[in-house]
Amino acid sequence: MPIIILIVVLSLLRYFEIGPVANLSWWWIAGLFGVAFLWFEFFERMLGLDKRRAHDEMDKARDARVKKAFEKKPGSRR
């Protein structure tokens, strides 16, 4: 995600010609797009990061269900 933020910031700075980025070639920014594409399409899958993130989300949902199921309800005798 940080690389996407960097691409957006650099693109905006380059487009509006702000600071030292004004003279930066568009090829550098296009290269970052390529790196981001390779990361999200290939390397993240190879390292298993996409599945780890999905497992973390499932664990959070399960924990929320368990917590909700065991909360004391008003009016119950327990």
C-alpha atoms as a PDB file:
ATOM      1  CA  MET A   1       0.000   0.000   0.000  1.00  0.00           C
ATOM      2  CA  PRO A   2       2.789   2.502   0.678  1.00  0.00           C
ATOM      3  CA  ILE A   3       3.970   2.153  -2.921  1.00  0.00           C
ATOM      4  CA  ILE A   4       0.492   3.121  -4.173  1.00  0.00           C
ATOM      5  CA  ILE A   5       0.519   6.228  -1.962  1.00  0.00           C
ATOM      6  CA  LEU A   6       4.011   7.091  -3.244  1.00  0.00           C
ATOM      7  CA  ILE A   7       2.864   6.716  -6.857  1.00  0.00           C
ATOM      8  CA  VAL A   8      -0.146   8.970  -6.307  1.00  0.00           C
ATOM      9  CA  VAL A   9       1.897  11.644  -4.514  1.00  0.00           C
ATOM     10  CA  LEU A  10       4.669  11.602  -7.115  1.00  0.00           C
ATOM     11  CA  SER A  11       2.138  11.710  -9.953  1.00  0.00           C
ATOM     12  CA  LEU A  12       0.375  14.713  -8.459  1.00  0.00           C
ATOM     13  CA  LEU A  13       3.636  16.525  -7.753  1.00  0.00           C
ATOM     14  CA  ARG A  14       4.875  15.813 -11.271  1.00  0.00           C
ATOM     15  CA  TYR A  15       1.583  16.810 -12.904  1.00  0.00           C
ATOM     16  CA  PHE A  16       1.410  20.121 -11.055  1.00  0.00           C
ATOM     17  CA  GLU A  17       5.190  20.608 -11.429  1.00  0.00           C
ATOM     18  CA  ILE A  18       5.879  21.137  -7.741  1.00  0.00           C
ATOM     19  CA  GLY A  19       9.390  21.128  -6.278  1.00  0.00           C
ATOM     20  CA  PRO A  20      12.223  18.931  -7.515  1.00  0.00           C
ATOM     21  CA  VAL A  21       9.718  16.400  -8.856  1.00  0.00           C
ATOM     22  CA  ALA A  22       8.825  18.836 -11.643  1.00  0.00           C
ATOM     23  CA  ASN A  23      11.872  17.713 -13.634  1.00  0.00           C
ATOM     24  CA  LEU A  24      11.398  14.015 -12.882  1.00  0.00           C
ATOM     25  CA  SER A  25      10.778  11.874 -15.920  1.00  0.00           C
ATOM     26  CA  TRP A  26       7.367  10.207 -16.225  1.00  0.00           C
ATOM     27  CA  TRP A  27       9.240   6.968 -16.834  1.00  0.00           C
ATOM     28  CA  TRP A  28      10.226   6.815 -13.147  1.00  0.00           C
ATOM     29  CA  ILE A  29       6.589   7.013 -12.134  1.00  0.00           C
ATOM     30  CA  ALA A  30       5.607   4.486 -14.796  1.00  0.00           C
ATOM     31  CA  GLY A  31       8.348   2.232 -13.452  1.00  0.00           C
ATOM     32  CA  LEU A  32       6.799   2.443  -9.996  1.00  0.00           C
ATOM     33  CA  PHE A  33       3.473   1.435 -11.534  1.00  0.00           C
ATOM     34  CA  GLY A  34       5.222  -1.603 -12.981  1.00  0.00           C
ATOM     35  CA  VAL A  35       6.795  -2.488  -9.634  1.00  0.00           C
ATOM     36  CA  ALA A  36       3.408  -2.184  -7.909  1.00  0.00           C
ATOM     37  CA  PHE A  37       1.809  -4.403 -10.555  1.00  0.00           C
ATOM     38  CA  LEU A  38       4.489  -7.061 -10.166  1.00  0.00           C
ATOM     39  CA  TRP A  39       4.221  -6.927  -6.378  1.00  0.00           C
ATOM     40  CA  PHE A  40       0.436  -7.299  -6.200  1.00  0.00           C
ATOM     41  CA  GLU A  41       0.117  -9.820  -9.022  1.00  0.00           C
ATOM     42  CA  PHE A  42       3.060 -12.108  -8.389  1.00  0.00           C
ATOM     43  CA  PHE A  43       5.245 -11.538  -5.330  1.00  0.00           C
ATOM     44  CA  GLU A  44       2.428 -11.106  -2.829  1.00  0.00           C
ATOM     45  CA  ARG A  45       0.916 -14.414  -3.945  1.00  0.00           C
ATOM     46  CA  MET A  46       4.274 -16.183  -3.911  1.00  0.00           C
ATOM     47  CA  LEU A  47       4.928 -15.024  -0.344  1.00  0.00           C
ATOM     48  CA  GLY A  48       1.405 -15.949   0.781  1.00  0.00           C
ATOM     49  CA  LEU A  49       0.616 -12.450   1.995  1.00  0.00           C
ATOM     50  CA  ASP A  50      -2.778 -12.373   0.294  1.00  0.00           C
ATOM     51  CA  LYS A  51      -3.950 -15.510   2.113  1.00  0.00           C
ATOM     52  CA  ARG A  52      -2.543 -14.340   5.432  1.00  0.00           C
ATOM     53  CA  ARG A  53      -4.583 -11.161   5.150  1.00  0.00           C
ATOM     54  CA  ALA A  54      -7.719 -13.159   4.344  1.00  0.00           C
ATOM     55  CA  HIS A  55      -7.108 -15.450   7.330  1.00  0.00           C
ATOM     56  CA  ASP A  56      -6.665 -12.447   9.614  1.00  0.00           C
ATOM     57  CA  GLU A  57      -9.992 -11.015   8.460  1.00  0.00           C
ATOM     58  CA  MET A  58     -11.723 -14.358   9.057  1.00  0.00           C
ATOM     59  CA  ASP A  59     -10.213 -14.572  12.549  1.00  0.00           C
ATOM     60  CA  LYS A  60     -11.462 -11.091  13.405  1.00  0.00           C
ATOM     61  CA  ALA A  61     -14.976 -11.952  12.205  1.00  0.00           C
ATOM     62  CA  ARG A  62     -14.940 -15.210  14.212  1.00  0.00           C
ATOM     63  CA  ASP A  63     -13.745 -13.424  17.347  1.00  0.00           C
ATOM     64  CA  ALA A  64     -16.515 -10.837  16.963  1.00  0.00           C
ATOM     65  CA  ARG A  65     -19.140 -13.599  16.607  1.00  0.00           C
ATOM     66  CA  VAL A  66     -17.835 -15.423  19.683  1.00  0.00           C
ATOM     67  CA  LYS A  67     -17.758 -12.230  21.724  1.00  0.00           C
ATOM     68  CA  LYS A  68     -21.290 -11.350  20.661  1.00  0.00           C
ATOM     69  CA  ALA A  69     -22.554 -14.858  21.459  1.00  0.00           C
ATOM     70  CA  PHE A  70     -21.119 -14.826  24.983  1.00  0.00           C
ATOM     71  CA  GLU A  71     -22.091 -11.293  25.959  1.00  0.00           C
ATOM     72  CA  LYS A  72     -24.556 -11.118  28.809  1.00  0.00           C
ATOM     73  CA  LYS A  73     -27.965 -10.175  27.490  1.00  0.00           C
ATOM     74  CA  PRO A  74     -30.166  -7.811  29.520  1.00  0.00           C
ATOM     75  CA  GLY A  75     -32.874  -9.646  31.432  1.00  0.00           C
ATOM     76  CA  SER A  76     -31.148 -13.016  31.346  1.00  0.00           C
ATOM     77  CA  ARG A  77     -30.496 -14.897  34.579  1.00  0.00           C
ATOM     78  CA  ARG A  78     -26.942 -15.863  33.820  1.00  0.00           C
END
